[in-house]
Amino acid sequence: AEVPSHWQVYFAVEDTDAAINKATAMGATVLDGPA
């Protein structure tokens, strides 16, 4: 209920898991996936 409708942007990467590792090492958080 507290989350409104919204647009999401997808970015292409060569390797999703490698990108996750790089992103989290820089302070990102994984909210869903990978799947």
PDB file of all heavy atoms in Angstrom:
ATOM      1  N   ALA A   1       0.816  -1.215   0.000  1.00  0.00           N
ATOM      2  CA  ALA A   1       0.000   0.000   0.000  1.00  0.00           C
ATOM      3  C   ALA A   1       0.848   1.263   0.000  1.00  0.00           C
ATOM      4  O   ALA A   1       0.493   2.264  -0.624  1.00  0.00           O
ATOM      5  CB  ALA A   1      -0.935  -0.008   1.210  1.00  0.00           C
ATOM      6  N   GLU A   2       2.004   1.206   0.688  1.00  0.00           N
ATOM      7  CA  GLU A   2       2.827   2.406   0.818  1.00  0.00           C
ATOM      8  C   GLU A   2       3.729   2.654  -0.392  1.00  0.00           C
ATOM      9  O   GLU A   2       4.375   3.706  -0.491  1.00  0.00           O
ATOM     10  CB  GLU A   2       3.692   2.327   2.079  1.00  0.00           C
ATOM     11  CG  GLU A   2       4.773   1.256   2.064  1.00  0.00           C
ATOM     12  CD  GLU A   2       4.285  -0.119   2.530  1.00  0.00           C
ATOM     13  OE1 GLU A   2       3.052  -0.317   2.614  1.00  0.00           O
ATOM     14  OE2 GLU A   2       5.142  -0.975   2.786  1.00  0.00           O
ATOM     15  N   VAL A   3       3.778   1.704  -1.320  1.00  0.00           N
ATOM     16  CA  VAL A   3       4.624   1.856  -2.511  1.00  0.00           C
ATOM     17  C   VAL A   3       3.746   2.236  -3.693  1.00  0.00           C
ATOM     18  O   VAL A   3       2.884   1.458  -4.104  1.00  0.00           O
ATOM     19  CB  VAL A   3       5.407   0.560  -2.811  1.00  0.00           C
ATOM     20  CG1 VAL A   3       6.233   0.722  -4.089  1.00  0.00           C
ATOM     21  CG2 VAL A   3       6.304   0.195  -1.637  1.00  0.00           C
ATOM     22  N   PRO A   4       3.948   3.414  -4.266  1.00  0.00           N
ATOM     23  CA  PRO A   4       3.101   3.835  -5.391  1.00  0.00           C
ATOM     24  C   PRO A   4       3.493   3.138  -6.689  1.00  0.00           C
ATOM     25  O   PRO A   4       4.559   2.514  -6.793  1.00  0.00           O
ATOM     26  CB  PRO A   4       3.371   5.336  -5.483  1.00  0.00           C
ATOM     27  CG  PRO A   4       4.773   5.491  -4.972  1.00  0.00           C
ATOM     28  CD  PRO A   4       4.925   4.453  -3.885  1.00  0.00           C
ATOM     29  N   SER A   5       2.642   3.241  -7.678  1.00  0.00           N
ATOM     30  CA  SER A   5       3.022   2.814  -9.031  1.00  0.00           C
ATOM     31  C   SER A   5       4.290   3.553  -9.418  1.00  0.00           C
ATOM     32  O   SER A   5       4.515   4.693  -9.025  1.00  0.00           O
ATOM     33  CB  SER A   5       1.912   3.157 -10.023  1.00  0.00           C
ATOM     34  OG  SER A   5       0.695   2.546  -9.672  1.00  0.00           O
ATOM     35  N   HIS A   6       5.131   2.904 -10.217  1.00  0.00           N
ATOM     36  CA  HIS A   6       6.394   3.540 -10.561  1.00  0.00           C
ATOM     37  C   HIS A   6       7.002   2.891 -11.794  1.00  0.00           C
ATOM     38  O   HIS A   6       6.719   1.738 -12.118  1.00  0.00           O
ATOM     39  CB  HIS A   6       7.389   3.451  -9.397  1.00  0.00           C
ATOM     40  CG  HIS A   6       7.702   2.043  -8.982  1.00  0.00           C
ATOM     41  ND1 HIS A   6       6.897   1.344  -8.100  1.00  0.00           N
ATOM     42  CD2 HIS A   6       8.711   1.199  -9.319  1.00  0.00           C
ATOM     43  CE1 HIS A   6       7.392   0.134  -7.922  1.00  0.00           C
ATOM     44  NE2 HIS A   6       8.486   0.014  -8.657  1.00  0.00           N
ATOM     45  N   TRP A   7       7.867   3.656 -12.457  1.00  0.00           N
ATOM     46  CA  TRP A   7       8.658   3.155 -13.567  1.00  0.00           C
ATOM     47  C   TRP A   7       9.979   2.595 -13.058  1.00  0.00           C
ATOM     48  O   TRP A   7      10.550   3.121 -12.096  1.00  0.00           O
ATOM     49  CB  TRP A   7       8.935   4.275 -14.567  1.00  0.00           C
ATOM     50  CG  TRP A   7       7.784   4.560 -15.485  1.00  0.00           C
ATOM     51  CD1 TRP A   7       6.714   5.381 -15.238  1.00  0.00           C
ATOM     52  CD2 TRP A   7       7.588   4.003 -16.790  1.00  0.00           C
ATOM     53  NE1 TRP A   7       5.864   5.372 -16.324  1.00  0.00           N
ATOM     54  CE2 TRP A   7       6.382   4.532 -17.290  1.00  0.00           C
ATOM     55  CE3 TRP A   7       8.319   3.116 -17.585  1.00  0.00           C
ATOM     56  CZ2 TRP A   7       5.880   4.205 -18.540  1.00  0.00           C
ATOM     57  CZ3 TRP A   7       7.824   2.792 -18.838  1.00  0.00           C
ATOM     58  CH2 TRP A   7       6.615   3.326 -19.303  1.00  0.00           C
ATOM     59  N   GLN A   8      10.461   1.526 -13.685  1.00  0.00           N
ATOM     60  CA  GLN A   8      11.774   0.973 -13.370  1.00  0.00           C
ATOM     61  C   GLN A   8      12.616   0.918 -14.645  1.00  0.00           C
ATOM     62  O   GLN A   8      12.105   0.614 -15.725  1.00  0.00           O
ATOM     63  CB  GLN A   8      11.651  -0.433 -12.774  1.00  0.00           C
ATOM     64  CG  GLN A   8      11.064  -0.450 -11.369  1.00  0.00           C
ATOM     65  CD  GLN A   8      11.084  -1.830 -10.754  1.00  0.00           C
ATOM     66  OE1 GLN A   8      11.272  -2.831 -11.430  1.00  0.00           O
ATOM     67  NE2 GLN A   8      10.877  -1.877  -9.451  1.00  0.00           N
ATOM     68  N   VAL A   9      13.898   1.217 -14.476  1.00  0.00           N
ATOM     69  CA  VAL A   9      14.851   1.160 -15.579  1.00  0.00           C
ATOM     70  C   VAL A   9      15.711  -0.090 -15.424  1.00  0.00           C
ATOM     71  O   VAL A   9      16.213  -0.376 -14.334  1.00  0.00           O
ATOM     72  CB  VAL A   9      15.755   2.402 -15.604  1.00  0.00           C
ATOM     73  CG1 VAL A   9      16.746   2.315 -16.764  1.00  0.00           C
ATOM     74  CG2 VAL A   9      14.926   3.673 -15.712  1.00  0.00           C
ATOM     75  N   TYR A  10      15.848  -0.851 -16.513  1.00  0.00           N
ATOM     76  CA  TYR A  10      16.760  -1.993 -16.564  1.00  0.00           C
ATOM     77  C   TYR A  10      18.016  -1.571 -17.323  1.00  0.00           C
ATOM     78  O   TYR A  10      17.921  -0.965 -18.390  1.00  0.00           O
ATOM     79  CB  TYR A  10      16.140  -3.157 -17.342  1.00  0.00           C
ATOM     80  CG  TYR A  10      14.999  -3.883 -16.703  1.00  0.00           C
ATOM     81  CD1 TYR A  10      13.775  -3.261 -16.461  1.00  0.00           C
ATOM     82  CD2 TYR A  10      15.111  -5.236 -16.379  1.00  0.00           C
ATOM     83  CE1 TYR A  10      12.711  -3.949 -15.912  1.00  0.00           C
ATOM     84  CE2 TYR A  10      14.051  -5.944 -15.836  1.00  0.00           C
ATOM     85  CZ  TYR A  10      12.854  -5.297 -15.596  1.00  0.00           C
ATOM     86  OH  TYR A  10      11.788  -5.992 -15.051  1.00  0.00           O
ATOM     87  N   PHE A  11      19.177  -1.931 -16.781  1.00  0.00           N
ATOM     88  CA  PHE A  11      20.442  -1.708 -17.469  1.00  0.00           C
ATOM     89  C   PHE A  11      21.019  -3.041 -17.929  1.00  0.00           C
ATOM     90  O   PHE A  11      21.008  -4.024 -17.180  1.00  0.00           O
ATOM     91  CB  PHE A  11      21.448  -1.019 -16.547  1.00  0.00           C
ATOM     92  CG  PHE A  11      21.076   0.396 -16.198  1.00  0.00           C
ATOM     93  CD1 PHE A  11      20.390   0.675 -15.025  1.00  0.00           C
ATOM     94  CD2 PHE A  11      21.403   1.443 -17.043  1.00  0.00           C
ATOM     95  CE1 PHE A  11      20.045   1.975 -14.692  1.00  0.00           C
ATOM     96  CE2 PHE A  11      21.061   2.752 -16.725  1.00  0.00           C
ATOM     97  CZ  PHE A  11      20.380   3.020 -15.547  1.00  0.00           C
ATOM     98  N   ALA A  12      21.515  -3.067 -19.142  1.00  0.00           N
ATOM     99  CA  ALA A  12      22.162  -4.269 -19.652  1.00  0.00           C
ATOM    100  C   ALA A  12      23.546  -4.420 -19.031  1.00  0.00           C
ATOM    101  O   ALA A  12      24.266  -3.442 -18.841  1.00  0.00           O
ATOM    102  CB  ALA A  12      22.290  -4.203 -21.168  1.00  0.00           C
ATOM    103  N   VAL A  13      23.902  -5.653 -18.686  1.00  0.00           N
ATOM    104  CA  VAL A  13      25.246  -5.987 -18.208  1.00  0.00           C
ATOM    105  C   VAL A  13      25.681  -7.272 -18.891  1.00  0.00           C
ATOM    106  O   VAL A  13      24.848  -8.055 -19.358  1.00  0.00           O
ATOM    107  CB  VAL A  13      25.288  -6.161 -16.674  1.00  0.00           C
ATOM    108  CG1 VAL A  13      25.002  -4.844 -15.969  1.00  0.00           C
ATOM    109  CG2 VAL A  13      24.320  -7.241 -16.203  1.00  0.00           C
ATOM    110  N   GLU A  14      26.973  -7.500 -18.944  1.00  0.00           N
ATOM    111  CA  GLU A  14      27.468  -8.725 -19.572  1.00  0.00           C
ATOM    112  C   GLU A  14      27.231  -9.931 -18.683  1.00  0.00           C
ATOM    113  O   GLU A  14      26.944 -11.025 -19.169  1.00  0.00           O
ATOM    114  CB  GLU A  14      28.951  -8.582 -19.894  1.00  0.00           C
ATOM    115  CG  GLU A  14      29.243  -7.582 -21.005  1.00  0.00           C
ATOM    116  CD  GLU A  14      30.723  -7.508 -21.334  1.00  0.00           C
ATOM    117  OE1 GLU A  14      31.513  -8.197 -20.650  1.00  0.00           O
ATOM    118  OE2 GLU A  14      31.078  -6.776 -22.266  1.00  0.00           O
ATOM    119  N   ASP A  15      27.360  -9.738 -17.366  1.00  0.00           N
ATOM    120  CA  ASP A  15      27.264 -10.847 -16.411  1.00  0.00           C
ATOM    121  C   ASP A  15      26.582 -10.311 -15.164  1.00  0.00           C
ATOM    122  O   ASP A  15      27.157  -9.518 -14.415  1.00  0.00           O
ATOM    123  CB  ASP A  15      28.667 -11.379 -16.100  1.00  0.00           C
ATOM    124  CG  ASP A  15      28.671 -12.579 -15.167  1.00  0.00           C
ATOM    125  OD1 ASP A  15      27.855 -12.622 -14.227  1.00  0.00           O
ATOM    126  OD2 ASP A  15      29.519 -13.472 -15.358  1.00  0.00           O
ATOM    127  N   THR A  16      25.340 -10.743 -14.933  1.00  0.00           N
ATOM    128  CA  THR A  16      24.549 -10.218 -13.820  1.00  0.00           C
ATOM    129  C   THR A  16      25.213 -10.479 -12.484  1.00  0.00           C
ATOM    130  O   THR A  16      25.286  -9.589 -11.625  1.00  0.00           O
ATOM    131  CB  THR A  16      23.136 -10.824 -13.854  1.00  0.00           C
ATOM    132  OG1 THR A  16      22.493 -10.426 -15.069  1.00  0.00           O
ATOM    133  CG2 THR A  16      22.301 -10.356 -12.672  1.00  0.00           C
ATOM    134  N   ASP A  17      25.702 -11.685 -12.263  1.00  0.00           N
ATOM    135  CA  ASP A  17      26.283 -12.015 -10.965  1.00  0.00           C
ATOM    136  C   ASP A  17      27.565 -11.222 -10.708  1.00  0.00           C
ATOM    137  O   ASP A  17      27.807 -10.761  -9.588  1.00  0.00           O
ATOM    138  CB  ASP A  17      26.532 -13.517 -10.872  1.00  0.00           C
ATOM    139  CG  ASP A  17      25.233 -14.304 -10.910  1.00  0.00           C
ATOM    140  OD1 ASP A  17      24.642 -14.528  -9.847  1.00  0.00           O
ATOM    141  OD2 ASP A  17      24.784 -14.671 -12.019  1.00  0.00           O
ATOM    142  N   ALA A  18      28.385 -11.063 -11.745  1.00  0.00           N
ATOM    143  CA  ALA A  18      29.599 -10.268 -11.598  1.00  0.00           C
ATOM    144  C   ALA A  18      29.259  -8.812 -11.309  1.00  0.00           C
ATOM    145  O   ALA A  18      29.923  -8.151 -10.497  1.00  0.00           O
ATOM    146  CB  ALA A  18      30.457 -10.379 -12.855  1.00  0.00           C
ATOM    147  N   ALA A  19      28.209  -8.293 -11.967  1.00  0.00           N
ATOM    148  CA  ALA A  19      27.783  -6.916 -11.721  1.00  0.00           C
ATOM    149  C   ALA A  19      27.268  -6.748 -10.299  1.00  0.00           C
ATOM    150  O   ALA A  19      27.521  -5.716  -9.654  1.00  0.00           O
ATOM    151  CB  ALA A  19      26.713  -6.507 -12.733  1.00  0.00           C
ATOM    152  N   ILE A  20      26.556  -7.738  -9.792  1.00  0.00           N
ATOM    153  CA  ILE A  20      26.085  -7.683  -8.401  1.00  0.00           C
ATOM    154  C   ILE A  20      27.267  -7.618  -7.446  1.00  0.00           C
ATOM    155  O   ILE A  20      27.293  -6.818  -6.502  1.00  0.00           O
ATOM    156  CB  ILE A  20      25.202  -8.897  -8.089  1.00  0.00           C
ATOM    157  CG1 ILE A  20      23.853  -8.778  -8.803  1.00  0.00           C
ATOM    158  CG2 ILE A  20      24.980  -9.045  -6.575  1.00  0.00           C
ATOM    159  CD1 ILE A  20      22.988 -10.019  -8.704  1.00  0.00           C
ATOM    160  N   ASN A  21      28.253  -8.455  -7.673  1.00  0.00           N
ATOM    161  CA  ASN A  21      29.430  -8.460  -6.803  1.00  0.00           C
ATOM    162  C   ASN A  21      30.131  -7.110  -6.810  1.00  0.00           C
ATOM    163  O   ASN A  21      30.542  -6.589  -5.766  1.00  0.00           O
ATOM    164  CB  ASN A  21      30.400  -9.563  -7.229  1.00  0.00           C
ATOM    165  CG  ASN A  21      29.864 -10.962  -6.964  1.00  0.00           C
ATOM    166  OD1 ASN A  21      28.985 -11.139  -6.115  1.00  0.00           O
ATOM    167  ND2 ASN A  21      30.374 -11.938  -7.679  1.00  0.00           N
ATOM    168  N   LYS A  22      30.263  -6.527  -7.990  1.00  0.00           N
ATOM    169  CA  LYS A  22      30.920  -5.224  -8.096  1.00  0.00           C
ATOM    170  C   LYS A  22      30.090  -4.151  -7.407  1.00  0.00           C
ATOM    171  O   LYS A  22      30.627  -3.300  -6.675  1.00  0.00           O
ATOM    172  CB  LYS A  22      31.145  -4.877  -9.563  1.00  0.00           C
ATOM    173  CG  LYS A  22      31.828  -3.529  -9.790  1.00  0.00           C
ATOM    174  CD  LYS A  22      32.056  -3.245 -11.270  1.00  0.00           C
ATOM    175  CE  LYS A  22      33.185  -4.075 -11.837  1.00  0.00           C
ATOM    176  NZ  LYS A  22      33.534  -3.636 -13.234  1.00  0.00           N
ATOM    177  N   ALA A  23      28.774  -4.174  -7.637  1.00  0.00           N
ATOM    178  CA  ALA A  23      27.896  -3.147  -7.067  1.00  0.00           C
ATOM    179  C   ALA A  23      27.847  -3.222  -5.543  1.00  0.00           C
ATOM    180  O   ALA A  23      27.920  -2.190  -4.856  1.00  0.00           O
ATOM    181  CB  ALA A  23      26.492  -3.284  -7.653  1.00  0.00           C
ATOM    182  N   THR A  24      27.718  -4.416  -4.996  1.00  0.00           N
ATOM    183  CA  THR A  24      27.622  -4.542  -3.538  1.00  0.00           C
ATOM    184  C   THR A  24      28.939  -4.167  -2.865  1.00  0.00           C
ATOM    185  O   THR A  24      28.941  -3.633  -1.751  1.00  0.00           O
ATOM    186  CB  THR A  24      27.189  -5.956  -3.131  1.00  0.00           C
ATOM    187  OG1 THR A  24      28.059  -6.926  -3.733  1.00  0.00           O
ATOM    188  CG2 THR A  24      25.752  -6.230  -3.573  1.00  0.00           C
ATOM    189  N   ALA A  25      30.054  -4.412  -3.544  1.00  0.00           N
ATOM    190  CA  ALA A  25      31.349  -4.016  -2.989  1.00  0.00           C
ATOM    191  C   ALA A  25      31.460  -2.502  -2.887  1.00  0.00           C
ATOM    192  O   ALA A  25      32.255  -1.974  -2.091  1.00  0.00           O
ATOM    193  CB  ALA A  25      32.482  -4.570  -3.849  1.00  0.00           C
ATOM    194  N   MET A  26      30.660  -1.784  -3.680  1.00  0.00           N
ATOM    195  CA  MET A  26      30.667  -0.320  -3.654  1.00  0.00           C
ATOM    196  C   MET A  26      29.520   0.262  -2.837  1.00  0.00           C
ATOM    197  O   MET A  26      29.253   1.464  -2.892  1.00  0.00           O
ATOM    198  CB  MET A  26      30.619   0.217  -5.084  1.00  0.00           C
ATOM    199  CG  MET A  26      31.861  -0.080  -5.901  1.00  0.00           C
ATOM    200  SD  MET A  26      31.848   0.766  -7.517  1.00  0.00           S
ATOM    201  CE  MET A  26      30.530  -0.136  -8.359  1.00  0.00           C
ATOM    202  N   GLY A  27      28.783  -0.586  -2.102  1.00  0.00           N
ATOM    203  CA  GLY A  27      27.738  -0.083  -1.220  1.00  0.00           C
ATOM    204  C   GLY A  27      26.321  -0.271  -1.679  1.00  0.00           C
ATOM    205  O   GLY A  27      25.383   0.206  -1.026  1.00  0.00           O
ATOM    206  N   ALA A  28      26.105  -0.970  -2.791  1.00  0.00           N
ATOM    207  CA  ALA A  28      24.742  -1.249  -3.256  1.00  0.00           C
ATOM    208  C   ALA A  28      24.121  -2.377  -2.439  1.00  0.00           C
ATOM    209  O   ALA A  28      24.822  -3.155  -1.776  1.00  0.00           O
ATOM    210  CB  ALA A  28      24.748  -1.612  -4.734  1.00  0.00           C
ATOM    211  N   THR A  29      22.807  -2.481  -2.528  1.00  0.00           N
ATOM    212  CA  THR A  29      22.044  -3.531  -1.850  1.00  0.00           C
ATOM    213  C   THR A  29      21.240  -4.305  -2.879  1.00  0.00           C
ATOM    214  O   THR A  29      20.633  -3.699  -3.769  1.00  0.00           O
ATOM    215  CB  THR A  29      21.075  -2.916  -0.821  1.00  0.00           C
ATOM    216  OG1 THR A  29      21.816  -2.109   0.100  1.00  0.00           O
ATOM    217  CG2 THR A  29      20.336  -4.002  -0.055  1.00  0.00           C
ATOM    218  N   VAL A  30      21.237  -5.630  -2.763  1.00  0.00           N
ATOM    219  CA  VAL A  30      20.415  -6.462  -3.636  1.00  0.00           C
ATOM    220  C   VAL A  30      19.014  -6.545  -3.042  1.00  0.00           C
ATOM    221  O   VAL A  30      18.833  -7.000  -1.912  1.00  0.00           O
ATOM    222  CB  VAL A  30      21.005  -7.874  -3.797  1.00  0.00           C
ATOM    223  CG1 VAL A  30      20.109  -8.722  -4.702  1.00  0.00           C
ATOM    224  CG2 VAL A  30      22.418  -7.804  -4.373  1.00  0.00           C
ATOM    225  N   LEU A  31      18.012  -6.110  -3.794  1.00  0.00           N
ATOM    226  CA  LEU A  31      16.629  -6.123  -3.330  1.00  0.00           C
ATOM    227  C   LEU A  31      15.854  -7.333  -3.826  1.00  0.00           C
ATOM    228  O   LEU A  31      14.892  -7.752  -3.190  1.00  0.00           O
ATOM    229  CB  LEU A  31      15.921  -4.836  -3.775  1.00  0.00           C
ATOM    230  CG  LEU A  31      16.547  -3.523  -3.311  1.00  0.00           C
ATOM    231  CD1 LEU A  31      15.760  -2.345  -3.864  1.00  0.00           C
ATOM    232  CD2 LEU A  31      16.618  -3.460  -1.789  1.00  0.00           C
ATOM    233  N   ASP A  32      16.257  -7.879  -4.966  1.00  0.00           N
ATOM    234  CA  ASP A  32      15.544  -9.024  -5.531  1.00  0.00           C
ATOM    235  C   ASP A  32      16.462  -9.730  -6.526  1.00  0.00           C
ATOM    236  O   ASP A  32      17.192  -9.083  -7.269  1.00  0.00           O
ATOM    237  CB  ASP A  32      14.263  -8.566  -6.226  1.00  0.00           C
ATOM    238  CG  ASP A  32      13.355  -9.733  -6.601  1.00  0.00           C
ATOM    239  OD1 ASP A  32      13.357 -10.745  -5.883  1.00  0.00           O
ATOM    240  OD2 ASP A  32      12.650  -9.628  -7.625  1.00  0.00           O
ATOM    241  N   GLY A  33      16.384 -11.066  -6.537  1.00  0.00           N
ATOM    242  CA  GLY A  33      17.178 -11.831  -7.486  1.00  0.00           C
ATOM    243  C   GLY A  33      18.556 -12.136  -6.937  1.00  0.00           C
ATOM    244  O   GLY A  33      18.818 -11.972  -5.741  1.00  0.00           O
ATOM    245  N   PRO A  34      19.434 -12.579  -7.846  1.00  0.00           N
ATOM    246  CA  PRO A  34      19.246 -12.712  -9.300  1.00  0.00           C
ATOM    247  C   PRO A  34      18.380 -13.918  -9.656  1.00  0.00           C
ATOM    248  O   PRO A  34      18.328 -14.897  -8.916  1.00  0.00           O
ATOM    249  CB  PRO A  34      20.674 -12.883  -9.815  1.00  0.00           C
ATOM    250  CG  PRO A  34      21.400 -13.543  -8.681  1.00  0.00           C
ATOM    251  CD  PRO A  34      20.797 -12.968  -7.437  1.00  0.00           C
ATOM    252  N   ALA A  35      17.702 -13.817 -10.782  1.00  0.00           N
ATOM    253  CA  ALA A  35      16.842 -14.887 -11.263  1.00  0.00           C
ATOM    254  C   ALA A  35      16.882 -14.914 -12.780  1.00  0.00           C
ATOM    255  O   ALA A  35      16.986 -13.863 -13.436  1.00  0.00           O
ATOM    256  CB  ALA A  35      15.404 -14.668 -10.791  1.00  0.00           C
TER     257      ALA A  35
END
